Protein backbone atom coordinates (compact mmCIF):
# COMPACT_ATOMS: atom_id res chain seq x y z
CA UNK A 1 6.97 73.04 -185.10
CA UNK A 2 9.58 75.12 -183.17
CA UNK A 3 8.71 74.84 -179.57
CA UNK A 4 8.87 78.57 -179.08
CA UNK A 5 5.84 78.85 -181.35
CA UNK A 6 3.83 76.19 -179.45
CA UNK A 7 0.31 77.24 -177.88
CA UNK A 8 0.24 76.80 -174.09
CA UNK A 9 -1.61 73.57 -174.38
CA UNK A 10 0.84 71.96 -176.77
CA UNK A 11 3.95 72.96 -175.14
CA UNK A 12 2.70 70.99 -172.02
CA UNK A 13 1.12 68.14 -173.82
CA UNK A 14 4.33 67.28 -175.80
CA UNK A 15 6.00 66.24 -172.81
CA UNK A 16 3.10 65.09 -170.56
CA UNK A 17 1.12 62.98 -172.96
CA UNK A 18 -0.55 61.06 -170.38
CA UNK A 19 -0.36 61.91 -166.69
CA UNK A 20 -2.00 58.68 -166.17
CA UNK A 21 -1.86 56.19 -163.24
CA UNK A 22 0.98 53.84 -163.06
CA UNK A 23 -1.06 50.86 -164.23
CA UNK A 24 -1.55 52.51 -167.50
CA UNK A 25 2.19 52.80 -168.07
CA UNK A 26 3.77 50.89 -170.81
CA UNK A 27 4.65 47.27 -170.16
CA UNK A 28 7.45 47.30 -167.45
CA UNK A 29 11.05 46.28 -168.37
CA UNK A 30 14.47 47.97 -169.14
CA UNK A 31 13.85 51.35 -170.75
CA UNK A 32 14.96 51.63 -174.27
CA UNK A 33 17.36 54.44 -175.35
CA UNK A 34 15.73 56.56 -178.13
CA UNK A 35 12.38 55.54 -177.25
CA UNK A 36 11.64 56.05 -173.53
CA UNK A 37 14.65 58.41 -172.97
CA UNK A 38 17.36 59.73 -174.86
CA UNK A 39 21.06 60.11 -174.39
CA UNK A 40 22.61 63.53 -174.96
CA UNK A 41 25.10 63.94 -177.68
CA UNK A 42 27.08 66.12 -175.36
CA UNK A 43 27.08 65.86 -171.56
CA UNK A 44 25.88 68.79 -169.71
CA UNK A 45 27.77 70.02 -166.67
CA UNK A 46 25.56 69.78 -163.51
CA UNK A 47 25.39 71.73 -160.19
CA UNK A 48 25.12 68.69 -158.01
CA UNK A 49 27.80 68.38 -155.19
CA UNK A 50 30.59 66.00 -155.64
CA UNK A 51 29.58 62.30 -155.52
CA UNK A 52 25.83 63.28 -156.18
CA UNK A 53 23.69 62.40 -159.09
CA UNK A 54 21.74 65.42 -160.35
CA UNK A 55 17.95 65.06 -161.41
CA UNK A 56 16.38 68.05 -162.67
CA UNK A 57 12.77 68.65 -163.41
CA UNK A 58 12.03 71.05 -166.26
CA UNK A 59 8.68 72.98 -165.59
CA UNK A 60 6.45 75.97 -166.22
CA UNK A 61 4.06 77.29 -163.80
CA UNK A 62 1.26 77.92 -166.28
CA UNK A 63 1.52 74.24 -167.48
CA UNK A 64 -1.50 72.33 -166.24
CA UNK A 65 0.49 69.23 -166.64
CA UNK A 66 3.26 70.29 -164.40
CA UNK A 67 0.60 71.45 -161.82
CA UNK A 68 -0.93 67.92 -161.94
CA UNK A 69 2.39 66.19 -161.72
CA UNK A 70 3.72 68.25 -158.83
CA UNK A 71 2.15 66.20 -155.98
CA UNK A 72 3.60 63.03 -157.27
CA UNK A 73 6.92 64.54 -157.96
CA UNK A 74 7.06 65.81 -154.39
CA UNK A 75 6.24 62.42 -153.10
CA UNK A 76 8.88 60.91 -155.13
CA UNK A 77 11.54 63.51 -154.26
CA UNK A 78 10.96 62.74 -150.54
CA UNK A 79 12.21 59.26 -151.08
CA UNK A 80 15.29 59.81 -153.13
CA UNK A 81 18.50 58.10 -152.02
CA UNK A 82 21.02 60.21 -150.21
CA UNK A 83 23.43 60.27 -153.31
CA UNK A 84 20.71 62.05 -155.49
CA UNK A 85 20.57 65.70 -155.84
CA UNK A 86 17.22 67.03 -157.06
CA UNK A 87 16.64 70.57 -158.37
CA UNK A 88 14.00 72.41 -160.61
CA UNK A 89 14.65 74.46 -163.58
CA UNK A 90 11.79 76.73 -164.93
CA UNK A 91 11.84 76.95 -168.74
CA UNK A 92 11.49 79.76 -171.04
CA UNK A 93 10.44 78.72 -174.34
CA UNK A 94 9.32 82.21 -175.16
CA UNK A 95 10.15 85.63 -173.82
CA UNK A 96 6.73 85.75 -172.02
CA UNK A 97 7.81 82.75 -169.93
CA UNK A 98 10.69 84.73 -168.45
CA UNK A 99 8.46 86.63 -165.57
CA UNK A 100 7.59 83.33 -164.05
CA UNK A 101 11.15 81.88 -164.58
CA UNK A 102 12.23 84.93 -162.41
CA UNK A 103 9.29 84.23 -159.80
CA UNK A 104 10.86 80.79 -159.07
CA UNK A 105 14.43 81.99 -158.83
CA UNK A 106 13.12 84.87 -156.60
CA UNK A 107 11.41 82.27 -154.18
CA UNK A 108 14.62 80.16 -154.30
CA UNK A 109 16.70 83.20 -153.34
CA UNK A 110 14.51 84.03 -150.46
CA UNK A 111 14.15 80.51 -149.13
CA UNK A 112 10.64 80.26 -149.94
CA UNK A 113 10.28 77.39 -152.45
CA UNK A 114 9.14 74.90 -149.98
CA UNK A 115 6.53 77.07 -148.63
CA UNK A 116 5.28 78.78 -151.72
CA UNK A 117 5.93 76.68 -154.74
CA UNK A 118 2.65 74.73 -154.56
CA UNK A 119 0.91 78.07 -153.92
CA UNK A 120 2.14 79.50 -157.30
CA UNK A 121 0.45 76.59 -158.91
CA UNK A 122 -2.69 77.00 -156.99
CA UNK A 123 -2.94 80.63 -157.68
CA UNK A 124 -2.81 79.98 -161.42
CA UNK A 125 -4.68 76.77 -161.85
CA UNK A 126 -7.36 76.87 -159.17
CA UNK A 127 -7.71 80.49 -158.21
CA UNK A 128 -7.15 81.78 -161.75
CA UNK A 129 -5.10 84.62 -160.64
CA UNK A 130 -3.02 86.30 -163.42
CA UNK A 131 0.74 85.77 -162.89
CA UNK A 132 2.26 86.40 -166.28
CA UNK A 133 3.55 89.76 -165.80
CA UNK A 134 5.81 91.48 -163.11
CA UNK A 135 3.05 93.56 -161.56
CA UNK A 136 0.84 90.60 -161.25
CA UNK A 137 3.66 88.47 -159.67
CA UNK A 138 4.33 91.38 -157.31
CA UNK A 139 0.55 91.35 -156.25
CA UNK A 140 0.68 87.68 -155.62
CA UNK A 141 3.80 88.00 -153.61
CA UNK A 142 2.17 90.66 -151.31
CA UNK A 143 -1.02 88.58 -151.02
CA UNK A 144 1.05 85.66 -149.81
CA UNK A 145 2.80 87.64 -147.10
CA UNK A 146 6.01 88.63 -148.71
CA UNK A 147 7.63 92.15 -148.26
CA UNK A 148 6.81 93.54 -151.69
CA UNK A 149 9.71 96.01 -151.61
CA UNK A 150 12.22 93.09 -150.75
CA UNK A 151 10.57 90.82 -153.29
CA UNK A 152 10.82 93.26 -156.20
CA UNK A 153 14.51 93.94 -155.22
CA UNK A 154 15.44 90.29 -155.48
CA UNK A 155 13.17 89.74 -158.50
CA UNK A 156 14.94 92.52 -160.46
CA UNK A 157 18.31 91.59 -158.91
CA UNK A 158 21.35 90.65 -161.33
CA UNK A 159 21.73 87.36 -159.46
CA UNK A 160 18.02 86.20 -160.36
CA UNK A 161 18.42 87.39 -163.96
CA UNK A 162 21.48 85.53 -164.26
CA UNK A 163 19.95 82.45 -162.80
CA UNK A 164 17.03 82.81 -165.50
CA UNK A 165 19.34 83.13 -168.27
CA UNK A 166 21.30 79.98 -167.07
CA UNK A 167 18.09 78.13 -166.72
CA UNK A 168 17.27 78.78 -170.32
CA UNK A 169 20.87 77.68 -171.28
CA UNK A 170 20.18 74.51 -169.37
CA UNK A 171 17.00 73.85 -170.92
CA UNK A 172 18.68 74.28 -174.38
CA UNK A 173 21.53 71.93 -173.31
CA UNK A 174 19.06 69.14 -172.51
CA UNK A 175 16.92 69.78 -175.87
CA UNK A 176 13.76 70.17 -173.72
CA UNK A 177 10.76 69.82 -176.05
CA UNK A 178 8.08 70.37 -173.52
CA UNK A 179 7.26 70.08 -169.76
CA UNK A 180 7.15 68.57 -167.45
CA UNK A 181 10.40 66.79 -168.26
CA UNK A 182 13.27 65.30 -166.46
CA UNK A 183 17.17 65.36 -166.82
CA UNK A 184 19.56 62.92 -165.25
CA UNK A 185 23.28 63.27 -164.44
CA UNK A 186 23.68 65.63 -167.26
CA UNK A 187 23.43 62.94 -169.60
CA UNK A 188 19.85 61.78 -170.23
CA UNK A 189 16.55 63.22 -170.91
CA UNK A 190 12.95 61.84 -170.49
CA UNK A 191 9.52 63.32 -170.42
CA UNK A 192 5.86 61.99 -170.50
CA UNK A 193 5.80 61.79 -174.42
CA UNK A 194 8.81 59.60 -174.60
CA UNK A 195 7.84 57.47 -171.61
CA UNK A 196 4.18 57.23 -172.34
CA UNK A 197 3.24 59.00 -169.02
CA UNK A 198 4.84 60.87 -166.10
CA UNK A 199 4.67 57.79 -163.71
CA UNK A 200 6.76 55.74 -166.28
CA UNK A 201 9.08 58.71 -166.72
CA UNK A 202 9.80 58.69 -162.97
CA UNK A 203 10.49 54.98 -163.37
CA UNK A 204 12.88 55.68 -166.27
CA UNK A 205 14.57 58.33 -164.28
CA UNK A 206 15.21 55.64 -161.40
CA UNK A 207 16.65 53.43 -164.07
CA UNK A 208 18.97 56.21 -165.32
CA UNK A 209 19.94 57.07 -161.78
CA UNK A 210 21.10 53.51 -161.46
CA UNK A 211 22.94 53.77 -164.60
CA UNK A 212 24.76 56.92 -163.49
CA UNK A 213 25.91 54.88 -160.38
CA UNK A 214 27.54 52.22 -162.46
CA UNK A 215 29.64 54.80 -164.13
CA UNK A 216 31.03 56.63 -161.34
């Protein structure tokens, strides 16, 4: 089934088939191309500074698996080596994903990701606050202390709309099938379905980062 036709649950489950504990991961060993990760047919241009290896997480705020994965991902990111550049890309498998895509890029433009990224997940998955449409997102922003006029201005700005379009293009280039998912060095892709679970996907990502270092 085309991923743009997925239900909310299926979209997430495809990539996060098992957010299990590390001891539930597949037997440890060298990850296998085509099984636990895939090499892209065409290398994707990255936004990492020169000399850095880019790792990107593809996510969707309304995905329960992305919400569950976020604490582990945050801990993992804090331990990344200096030569690894991490960034997030919100996906838009359908047009109705775009408002939350722009929400993330608005927070990024306002320098509020570190402060409010987890709070978006909490609003959706714990507080059950609707955030699928612009007016609902503006209400959330005001509730969380952001200037509603400034937020709306940035949210509807050309730069945020451009970032959202580029995010969708990046998602397409990596052939993202579901979320959460990880891309490495513009060359490799893995997710929970391929790796078996997201802890193992992080291990696969570490392996791919090491591979990227060898080819520099």
